[in-house]
Amino acid sequence: MSYHVYIIELDNGSYYVGHTNNIGRRMKEHKLGLACSHTKKFKIKQLRWHEKLSTRNLAAKREKEIKGWRREKKEHLWRGSSLS
């Protein structure tokens, strides 16, 4: 089984970082307001980025790492540019 770390943009301009073993199902849950209180309050605008990992442990560690990043560094993931 594989896992995905993802970043979604919310309608208030903020980003939500999470992980799941089924990205399609999880996006549907977020869109329906069933996934968490944050995405229930601030609706999904779009899936910005996701990364596939081999274990839940790796996905959880990567999620925690990305959550600690400032906004600009998160945006560099889908823009394809690097920070110096």
N, C-alpha and C. Protein backbone atom coordinates (compact mmCIF):
# COMPACT_ATOMS: atom_id res chain seq x y z
N MET A 1 0.85 -1.18 0.00
CA MET A 1 0.00 0.00 0.00
C MET A 1 0.89 1.24 0.00
N SER A 2 0.49 2.24 -0.73
CA SER A 2 1.24 3.50 -0.76
C SER A 2 0.42 4.60 -0.08
N TYR A 3 1.11 5.65 0.27
CA TYR A 3 0.51 6.79 0.97
C TYR A 3 0.87 8.07 0.24
N HIS A 4 0.03 9.06 0.40
CA HIS A 4 0.24 10.35 -0.25
C HIS A 4 0.27 11.45 0.80
N VAL A 5 1.23 12.35 0.67
CA VAL A 5 1.24 13.60 1.41
C VAL A 5 0.72 14.63 0.42
N TYR A 6 -0.15 15.52 0.87
CA TYR A 6 -0.76 16.46 -0.05
C TYR A 6 -0.90 17.84 0.57
N ILE A 7 -1.02 18.81 -0.32
CA ILE A 7 -1.29 20.19 0.08
C ILE A 7 -2.50 20.65 -0.72
N ILE A 8 -3.51 21.13 -0.01
CA ILE A 8 -4.67 21.71 -0.68
C ILE A 8 -4.75 23.19 -0.31
N GLU A 9 -5.20 23.97 -1.28
CA GLU A 9 -5.43 25.39 -1.05
C GLU A 9 -6.90 25.57 -0.67
N LEU A 10 -7.12 26.36 0.35
CA LEU A 10 -8.49 26.60 0.83
C LEU A 10 -8.98 27.95 0.34
N ASP A 11 -10.30 28.14 0.40
CA ASP A 11 -10.88 29.37 -0.15
C ASP A 11 -10.50 30.64 0.61
N ASN A 12 -9.89 30.51 1.78
CA ASN A 12 -9.41 31.68 2.51
C ASN A 12 -7.95 31.98 2.18
N GLY A 13 -7.36 31.20 1.24
CA GLY A 13 -5.97 31.42 0.83
C GLY A 13 -4.95 30.63 1.61
N SER A 14 -5.36 29.94 2.64
CA SER A 14 -4.42 29.15 3.43
C SER A 14 -4.21 27.77 2.79
N TYR A 15 -3.22 27.05 3.30
CA TYR A 15 -2.92 25.71 2.82
C TYR A 15 -3.14 24.70 3.94
N TYR A 16 -3.62 23.54 3.55
CA TYR A 16 -3.81 22.43 4.48
C TYR A 16 -2.92 21.30 4.02
N VAL A 17 -2.13 20.74 4.93
CA VAL A 17 -1.23 19.63 4.62
C VAL A 17 -1.75 18.40 5.35
N GLY A 18 -1.82 17.28 4.63
CA GLY A 18 -2.27 16.03 5.23
C GLY A 18 -1.65 14.84 4.55
N HIS A 19 -2.01 13.64 5.02
CA HIS A 19 -1.58 12.41 4.35
C HIS A 19 -2.71 11.39 4.38
N THR A 20 -2.67 10.48 3.42
CA THR A 20 -3.74 9.49 3.26
C THR A 20 -3.24 8.31 2.46
N ASN A 21 -3.97 7.20 2.52
CA ASN A 21 -3.65 6.06 1.65
C ASN A 21 -4.55 6.02 0.41
N ASN A 22 -5.48 6.98 0.31
CA ASN A 22 -6.37 7.03 -0.85
C ASN A 22 -6.67 8.51 -1.15
N ILE A 23 -5.89 9.08 -2.03
CA ILE A 23 -5.97 10.52 -2.30
C ILE A 23 -7.33 10.93 -2.89
N GLY A 24 -7.89 10.11 -3.76
CA GLY A 24 -9.19 10.43 -4.36
C GLY A 24 -10.30 10.49 -3.32
N ARG A 25 -10.35 9.46 -2.47
CA ARG A 25 -11.36 9.42 -1.41
C ARG A 25 -11.19 10.59 -0.45
N ARG A 26 -9.94 10.89 -0.09
CA ARG A 26 -9.68 11.95 0.88
C ARG A 26 -10.09 13.32 0.33
N MET A 27 -9.84 13.55 -0.94
CA MET A 27 -10.24 14.83 -1.53
C MET A 27 -11.76 14.97 -1.52
N LYS A 28 -12.47 13.87 -1.82
CA LYS A 28 -13.93 13.90 -1.76
C LYS A 28 -14.40 14.21 -0.35
N GLU A 29 -13.76 13.59 0.66
CA GLU A 29 -14.13 13.86 2.06
C GLU A 29 -13.90 15.33 2.40
N HIS A 30 -12.77 15.89 1.97
CA HIS A 30 -12.51 17.31 2.23
C HIS A 30 -13.57 18.18 1.55
N LYS A 31 -13.89 17.88 0.30
CA LYS A 31 -14.87 18.69 -0.44
C LYS A 31 -16.26 18.63 0.19
N LEU A 32 -16.60 17.49 0.79
CA LEU A 32 -17.90 17.34 1.44
C LEU A 32 -17.90 17.85 2.88
N GLY A 33 -16.74 18.29 3.37
CA GLY A 33 -16.64 18.77 4.75
C GLY A 33 -16.62 17.67 5.78
N LEU A 34 -16.22 16.46 5.37
CA LEU A 34 -16.22 15.31 6.27
C LEU A 34 -14.84 14.95 6.81
N ALA A 35 -13.80 15.57 6.29
CA ALA A 35 -12.44 15.16 6.63
C ALA A 35 -11.93 15.78 7.93
N CYS A 36 -12.12 17.06 8.10
CA CYS A 36 -11.65 17.75 9.31
C CYS A 36 -12.38 19.08 9.45
N SER A 37 -12.32 19.63 10.64
CA SER A 37 -13.06 20.87 10.89
C SER A 37 -12.49 22.05 10.09
N HIS A 38 -11.19 22.04 9.83
CA HIS A 38 -10.58 23.15 9.09
C HIS A 38 -11.08 23.21 7.65
N THR A 39 -11.16 22.07 6.98
CA THR A 39 -11.65 22.08 5.59
C THR A 39 -13.17 22.10 5.53
N LYS A 40 -13.82 21.91 6.66
CA LYS A 40 -15.27 22.09 6.70
C LYS A 40 -15.58 23.59 6.78
N LYS A 41 -14.78 24.29 7.55
CA LYS A 41 -14.96 25.74 7.72
C LYS A 41 -14.49 26.51 6.49
N PHE A 42 -13.32 26.16 5.97
CA PHE A 42 -12.75 26.82 4.80
C PHE A 42 -12.71 25.82 3.66
N LYS A 43 -13.59 25.96 2.72
CA LYS A 43 -13.75 24.99 1.63
C LYS A 43 -12.51 24.87 0.76
N ILE A 44 -12.38 23.71 0.15
CA ILE A 44 -11.25 23.43 -0.75
C ILE A 44 -11.38 24.26 -2.02
N LYS A 45 -10.27 24.86 -2.39
CA LYS A 45 -10.18 25.55 -3.67
C LYS A 45 -9.58 24.59 -4.70
N GLN A 46 -8.41 23.98 -4.34
CA GLN A 46 -7.80 23.00 -5.24
C GLN A 46 -6.69 22.21 -4.56
N LEU A 47 -6.46 21.03 -5.10
CA LEU A 47 -5.30 20.23 -4.70
C LEU A 47 -4.10 20.85 -5.38
N ARG A 48 -3.12 21.28 -4.61
CA ARG A 48 -1.96 21.96 -5.17
C ARG A 48 -0.80 21.01 -5.46
N TRP A 49 -0.62 19.98 -4.62
CA TRP A 49 0.56 19.13 -4.74
C TRP A 49 0.32 17.84 -3.96
N HIS A 50 0.92 16.75 -4.44
CA HIS A 50 0.96 15.53 -3.64
C HIS A 50 2.19 14.72 -4.00
N GLU A 51 2.60 13.90 -3.05
CA GLU A 51 3.79 13.07 -3.19
C GLU A 51 3.46 11.67 -2.69
N LYS A 52 3.87 10.67 -3.43
CA LYS A 52 3.60 9.27 -3.08
C LYS A 52 4.78 8.72 -2.29
N LEU A 53 4.47 8.06 -1.16
CA LEU A 53 5.48 7.45 -0.31
C LEU A 53 5.10 6.01 -0.02
N SER A 54 6.07 5.22 0.38
CA SER A 54 5.85 3.78 0.50
C SER A 54 5.22 3.33 1.82
N THR A 55 5.36 4.13 2.90
CA THR A 55 4.80 3.71 4.19
C THR A 55 4.08 4.87 4.87
N ARG A 56 3.19 4.53 5.77
CA ARG A 56 2.47 5.55 6.53
C ARG A 56 3.43 6.35 7.40
N ASN A 57 4.41 5.67 7.97
CA ASN A 57 5.39 6.34 8.81
C ASN A 57 6.14 7.42 8.03
N LEU A 58 6.59 7.09 6.82
CA LEU A 58 7.28 8.08 5.98
C LEU A 58 6.35 9.24 5.62
N ALA A 59 5.11 8.92 5.31
CA ALA A 59 4.14 9.97 4.96
C ALA A 59 3.88 10.90 6.14
N ALA A 60 3.74 10.34 7.33
CA ALA A 60 3.50 11.15 8.52
C ALA A 60 4.69 12.05 8.83
N LYS A 61 5.90 11.52 8.65
CA LYS A 61 7.10 12.33 8.87
C LYS A 61 7.21 13.46 7.85
N ARG A 62 6.90 13.15 6.59
CA ARG A 62 6.97 14.16 5.53
C ARG A 62 5.90 15.23 5.75
N GLU A 63 4.70 14.82 6.16
CA GLU A 63 3.64 15.78 6.47
C GLU A 63 4.09 16.74 7.57
N LYS A 64 4.66 16.20 8.63
CA LYS A 64 5.12 17.02 9.74
C LYS A 64 6.22 17.99 9.28
N GLU A 65 7.12 17.50 8.44
CA GLU A 65 8.19 18.35 7.91
C GLU A 65 7.61 19.53 7.14
N ILE A 66 6.69 19.23 6.21
CA ILE A 66 6.11 20.27 5.36
C ILE A 66 5.27 21.26 6.17
N LYS A 67 4.57 20.77 7.17
CA LYS A 67 3.77 21.67 8.01
C LYS A 67 4.64 22.71 8.70
N GLY A 68 5.89 22.39 8.94
CA GLY A 68 6.81 23.33 9.57
C GLY A 68 7.39 24.37 8.64
N TRP A 69 7.16 24.22 7.36
CA TRP A 69 7.70 25.16 6.37
C TRP A 69 6.86 26.42 6.29
N ARG A 70 7.51 27.51 5.90
CA ARG A 70 6.77 28.74 5.65
C ARG A 70 6.03 28.61 4.30
N ARG A 71 5.10 29.45 4.09
CA ARG A 71 4.23 29.42 2.91
C ARG A 71 5.01 29.36 1.60
N GLU A 72 6.02 30.20 1.46
CA GLU A 72 6.78 30.29 0.21
C GLU A 72 7.46 28.97 -0.13
N LYS A 73 7.98 28.29 0.87
CA LYS A 73 8.65 27.01 0.62
C LYS A 73 7.65 25.96 0.15
N LYS A 74 6.45 25.96 0.72
CA LYS A 74 5.40 25.04 0.27
C LYS A 74 5.06 25.31 -1.18
N GLU A 75 4.95 26.57 -1.55
CA GLU A 75 4.58 26.94 -2.91
C GLU A 75 5.65 26.51 -3.93
N HIS A 76 6.88 26.44 -3.51
CA HIS A 76 7.94 26.00 -4.41
C HIS A 76 7.79 24.53 -4.81
N LEU A 77 7.06 23.75 -4.04
CA LEU A 77 6.83 22.35 -4.40
C LEU A 77 6.10 22.22 -5.73
N TRP A 78 5.06 23.01 -5.95
CA TRP A 78 4.31 22.89 -7.21
C TRP A 78 4.75 23.89 -8.29
N ARG A 79 5.53 24.86 -7.90
CA ARG A 79 6.05 25.78 -8.92
C ARG A 79 7.31 25.24 -9.56
N GLY A 80 7.95 24.26 -8.92
CA GLY A 80 9.13 23.63 -9.49
C GLY A 80 10.41 24.42 -9.39
N SER A 81 10.40 25.50 -8.65
CA SER A 81 11.62 26.27 -8.48
C SER A 81 12.22 25.93 -7.11
N SER A 82 13.47 26.23 -6.95
CA SER A 82 14.13 25.91 -5.70
C SER A 82 14.46 27.16 -4.90
N LEU A 83 14.57 26.99 -3.62
CA LEU A 83 14.97 28.09 -2.76
C LEU A 83 16.47 28.03 -2.57
N SER A 84 17.12 29.15 -2.60
CA SER A 84 18.57 29.19 -2.39
C SER A 84 18.90 29.47 -0.96
